[in-house]
């Protein structure tokens, strides 16, 4: 199964926009999404602070890959999905 992780923060409108765009894009696909607040973990702040929102995806136990940040990159997402 496909699994997305969206690294975000609570006061970020771009984060809300990316989540909505991913949900709309994903209609017809089976996947899960975890939304992780980067501000809850200093290591995540160090990795993603100025990049949020950051979308990563993994499938069937494979290591996750970073797909995009700031805005949903539909072309990259389609390539990852193989469509």
N, C-alpha and C. Protein backbone atom coordinates (compact mmCIF):
# COMPACT_ATOMS: atom_id res chain seq x y z
N UNK A 1 0.84 -1.19 0.00
CA UNK A 1 0.00 0.00 0.00
C UNK A 1 0.88 1.24 0.00
N UNK A 2 0.39 2.26 -0.62
CA UNK A 2 1.09 3.54 -0.71
C UNK A 2 0.86 4.35 0.55
N UNK A 3 1.94 4.93 1.07
CA UNK A 3 1.84 5.72 2.29
C UNK A 3 2.55 7.05 2.11
N UNK A 4 1.84 8.14 2.40
CA UNK A 4 2.41 9.48 2.33
C UNK A 4 2.63 10.01 3.74
N UNK A 5 3.69 10.79 3.89
CA UNK A 5 3.91 11.56 5.11
C UNK A 5 4.04 13.02 4.69
N UNK A 6 3.22 13.85 5.30
CA UNK A 6 3.26 15.28 5.04
C UNK A 6 3.84 15.97 6.27
N UNK A 7 5.04 16.50 6.13
CA UNK A 7 5.67 17.25 7.21
C UNK A 7 5.18 18.68 7.12
N UNK A 8 4.57 19.16 8.20
CA UNK A 8 3.89 20.45 8.16
C UNK A 8 4.01 21.13 9.51
N UNK A 9 3.31 22.25 9.63
CA UNK A 9 3.16 22.92 10.92
C UNK A 9 1.75 23.50 10.97
N UNK A 10 1.31 23.75 12.17
CA UNK A 10 -0.10 24.09 12.38
C UNK A 10 -0.52 25.41 11.77
N UNK A 11 0.34 26.37 11.66
CA UNK A 11 -0.05 27.70 11.18
C UNK A 11 0.34 27.93 9.71
N UNK A 12 0.48 26.88 8.96
CA UNK A 12 1.01 26.96 7.59
C UNK A 12 -0.11 26.75 6.57
N UNK A 13 -0.49 27.80 5.87
CA UNK A 13 -1.55 27.65 4.86
C UNK A 13 -1.09 26.81 3.68
N UNK A 14 0.20 26.84 3.35
CA UNK A 14 0.70 25.99 2.26
C UNK A 14 0.56 24.50 2.64
N UNK A 15 0.72 24.20 3.91
CA UNK A 15 0.57 22.83 4.38
C UNK A 15 -0.87 22.36 4.20
N UNK A 16 -1.81 23.22 4.59
CA UNK A 16 -3.23 22.89 4.41
C UNK A 16 -3.55 22.71 2.93
N UNK A 17 -3.01 23.60 2.09
CA UNK A 17 -3.25 23.51 0.65
C UNK A 17 -2.71 22.21 0.07
N UNK A 18 -1.49 21.81 0.49
CA UNK A 18 -0.91 20.58 -0.05
C UNK A 18 -1.73 19.37 0.38
N UNK A 19 -2.17 19.34 1.61
CA UNK A 19 -2.98 18.22 2.08
C UNK A 19 -4.27 18.13 1.27
N UNK A 20 -4.94 19.23 1.05
CA UNK A 20 -6.17 19.22 0.27
C UNK A 20 -5.91 18.79 -1.18
N UNK A 21 -4.82 19.29 -1.77
CA UNK A 21 -4.49 18.91 -3.15
C UNK A 21 -4.17 17.42 -3.25
N UNK A 22 -3.45 16.89 -2.26
CA UNK A 22 -3.13 15.46 -2.26
C UNK A 22 -4.40 14.63 -2.12
N UNK A 23 -5.29 15.03 -1.24
CA UNK A 23 -6.54 14.29 -1.07
C UNK A 23 -7.37 14.32 -2.35
N UNK A 24 -7.42 15.46 -3.02
CA UNK A 24 -8.18 15.58 -4.26
C UNK A 24 -7.52 14.76 -5.38
N UNK A 25 -6.21 14.82 -5.46
CA UNK A 25 -5.48 14.08 -6.48
C UNK A 25 -5.64 12.58 -6.28
N UNK A 26 -5.69 12.14 -5.04
CA UNK A 26 -5.68 10.72 -4.72
C UNK A 26 -7.00 10.00 -4.86
N UNK A 27 -8.05 10.69 -5.28
CA UNK A 27 -9.34 10.02 -5.45
C UNK A 27 -9.17 8.87 -6.43
N UNK A 28 -9.55 7.68 -5.98
CA UNK A 28 -9.41 6.49 -6.82
C UNK A 28 -8.17 5.68 -6.52
N UNK A 29 -7.29 6.20 -5.67
CA UNK A 29 -6.08 5.49 -5.26
C UNK A 29 -6.21 5.10 -3.79
N UNK A 30 -5.68 3.96 -3.45
CA UNK A 30 -5.66 3.53 -2.05
C UNK A 30 -4.35 3.98 -1.42
N UNK A 31 -4.43 4.82 -0.39
CA UNK A 31 -3.23 5.28 0.29
C UNK A 31 -3.58 5.78 1.68
N UNK A 32 -2.55 5.94 2.48
CA UNK A 32 -2.70 6.53 3.80
C UNK A 32 -1.83 7.79 3.86
N UNK A 33 -2.21 8.70 4.75
CA UNK A 33 -1.45 9.95 4.93
C UNK A 33 -1.26 10.16 6.43
N UNK A 34 -0.01 10.39 6.82
CA UNK A 34 0.28 10.86 8.16
C UNK A 34 0.71 12.31 8.05
N UNK A 35 0.14 13.16 8.87
CA UNK A 35 0.55 14.56 8.93
C UNK A 35 1.38 14.72 10.20
N UNK A 36 2.63 15.15 10.03
CA UNK A 36 3.57 15.25 11.13
C UNK A 36 3.94 16.71 11.33
N UNK A 37 3.77 17.19 12.55
CA UNK A 37 4.13 18.56 12.90
C UNK A 37 5.63 18.62 13.15
N UNK A 38 6.36 19.31 12.28
CA UNK A 38 7.82 19.37 12.42
C UNK A 38 8.24 20.09 13.70
N UNK A 39 7.40 20.99 14.20
CA UNK A 39 7.76 21.75 15.39
C UNK A 39 7.75 20.91 16.66
N UNK A 40 7.25 19.69 16.58
CA UNK A 40 7.22 18.81 17.75
C UNK A 40 8.52 18.04 17.94
N UNK A 41 9.46 18.18 16.99
CA UNK A 41 10.70 17.40 17.05
C UNK A 41 11.85 18.24 16.49
N UNK A 42 12.86 18.48 17.30
CA UNK A 42 13.97 19.34 16.88
C UNK A 42 14.72 18.77 15.68
N UNK A 43 14.79 17.45 15.54
CA UNK A 43 15.45 16.86 14.37
C UNK A 43 14.66 17.16 13.09
N UNK A 44 13.34 17.12 13.18
CA UNK A 44 12.52 17.45 12.01
C UNK A 44 12.63 18.92 11.67
N UNK A 45 12.70 19.77 12.67
CA UNK A 45 12.90 21.21 12.41
C UNK A 45 14.21 21.40 11.66
N UNK A 46 15.26 20.71 12.10
CA UNK A 46 16.56 20.84 11.44
C UNK A 46 16.50 20.37 9.98
N UNK A 47 15.71 19.34 9.71
CA UNK A 47 15.61 18.81 8.35
C UNK A 47 14.70 19.65 7.44
N UNK A 48 13.56 20.07 7.95
CA UNK A 48 12.50 20.59 7.09
C UNK A 48 12.04 22.02 7.38
N UNK A 49 12.63 22.69 8.33
CA UNK A 49 12.14 23.97 8.83
C UNK A 49 11.64 24.91 7.74
N UNK A 50 12.49 25.31 6.84
CA UNK A 50 12.13 26.29 5.82
C UNK A 50 11.51 25.66 4.57
N UNK A 51 11.39 24.35 4.55
CA UNK A 51 10.87 23.66 3.37
C UNK A 51 9.40 23.28 3.48
N UNK A 52 8.83 23.33 4.68
CA UNK A 52 7.46 22.82 4.85
C UNK A 52 6.48 23.58 3.97
N UNK A 53 5.51 22.86 3.47
CA UNK A 53 5.25 21.44 3.63
C UNK A 53 6.18 20.59 2.77
N UNK A 54 6.52 19.43 3.28
CA UNK A 54 7.35 18.46 2.56
C UNK A 54 6.55 17.16 2.49
N UNK A 55 6.43 16.63 1.29
CA UNK A 55 5.69 15.38 1.08
C UNK A 55 6.66 14.26 0.75
N UNK A 56 6.58 13.18 1.52
CA UNK A 56 7.35 11.98 1.21
C UNK A 56 6.37 10.84 0.97
N UNK A 57 6.85 9.82 0.26
CA UNK A 57 6.00 8.68 -0.03
C UNK A 57 6.82 7.41 0.01
N UNK A 58 6.19 6.35 0.47
CA UNK A 58 6.80 5.03 0.48
C UNK A 58 5.76 3.99 0.08
N UNK A 59 6.27 2.87 -0.38
CA UNK A 59 5.36 1.83 -0.85
C UNK A 59 5.93 0.46 -0.50
N UNK A 60 5.10 -0.37 0.07
CA UNK A 60 5.43 -1.77 0.33
C UNK A 60 6.77 -1.94 1.06
N UNK A 61 6.99 -1.15 2.11
CA UNK A 61 8.18 -1.29 2.92
C UNK A 61 9.44 -0.65 2.36
N UNK A 62 9.36 -0.08 1.16
CA UNK A 62 10.53 0.60 0.58
C UNK A 62 10.78 1.90 1.34
N UNK A 63 12.02 2.35 1.38
CA UNK A 63 12.30 3.62 2.06
C UNK A 63 11.53 4.76 1.40
N UNK A 64 11.06 5.71 2.19
CA UNK A 64 10.31 6.82 1.61
C UNK A 64 11.21 7.74 0.78
N UNK A 65 10.61 8.36 -0.22
CA UNK A 65 11.31 9.33 -1.06
C UNK A 65 10.61 10.68 -0.92
N UNK A 66 11.39 11.73 -0.98
CA UNK A 66 10.81 13.07 -0.93
C UNK A 66 10.29 13.42 -2.32
N UNK A 67 9.01 13.73 -2.41
CA UNK A 67 8.39 14.04 -3.69
C UNK A 67 8.38 15.53 -3.99
N UNK A 68 8.07 16.35 -3.00
CA UNK A 68 7.97 17.78 -3.26
C UNK A 68 7.92 18.56 -1.96
N UNK A 69 8.06 19.87 -2.09
CA UNK A 69 7.87 20.76 -0.96
C UNK A 69 7.25 22.05 -1.48
N UNK A 70 6.66 22.81 -0.58
CA UNK A 70 5.91 24.04 -0.84
C UNK A 70 4.57 23.77 -1.52
N UNK A 71 4.58 23.13 -2.70
CA UNK A 71 3.36 22.87 -3.46
C UNK A 71 3.38 21.43 -3.95
N UNK A 72 2.20 20.85 -4.13
CA UNK A 72 2.11 19.50 -4.65
C UNK A 72 2.59 19.48 -6.10
N UNK A 73 3.56 18.67 -6.38
CA UNK A 73 4.10 18.51 -7.73
C UNK A 73 3.38 17.31 -8.36
N UNK A 74 2.32 17.60 -9.08
CA UNK A 74 1.49 16.52 -9.64
C UNK A 74 2.25 15.68 -10.64
N UNK A 75 3.14 16.28 -11.42
CA UNK A 75 3.92 15.51 -12.39
C UNK A 75 4.83 14.51 -11.67
N UNK A 76 5.46 14.96 -10.62
CA UNK A 76 6.34 14.07 -9.84
C UNK A 76 5.52 12.96 -9.16
N UNK A 77 4.34 13.33 -8.67
CA UNK A 77 3.46 12.35 -8.04
C UNK A 77 3.00 11.31 -9.05
N UNK A 78 2.62 11.76 -10.24
CA UNK A 78 2.21 10.80 -11.29
C UNK A 78 3.36 9.86 -11.65
N UNK A 79 4.58 10.42 -11.76
CA UNK A 79 5.74 9.58 -12.08
C UNK A 79 5.97 8.55 -10.98
N UNK A 80 5.84 8.96 -9.73
CA UNK A 80 6.01 8.04 -8.61
C UNK A 80 4.95 6.94 -8.65
N UNK A 81 3.72 7.30 -8.98
CA UNK A 81 2.64 6.34 -9.05
C UNK A 81 2.70 5.47 -10.30
N UNK A 82 3.48 5.90 -11.28
CA UNK A 82 3.60 5.13 -12.51
C UNK A 82 2.49 5.38 -13.49
N UNK A 83 1.82 6.56 -13.40
CA UNK A 83 0.75 6.87 -14.37
C UNK A 83 1.29 7.87 -15.36
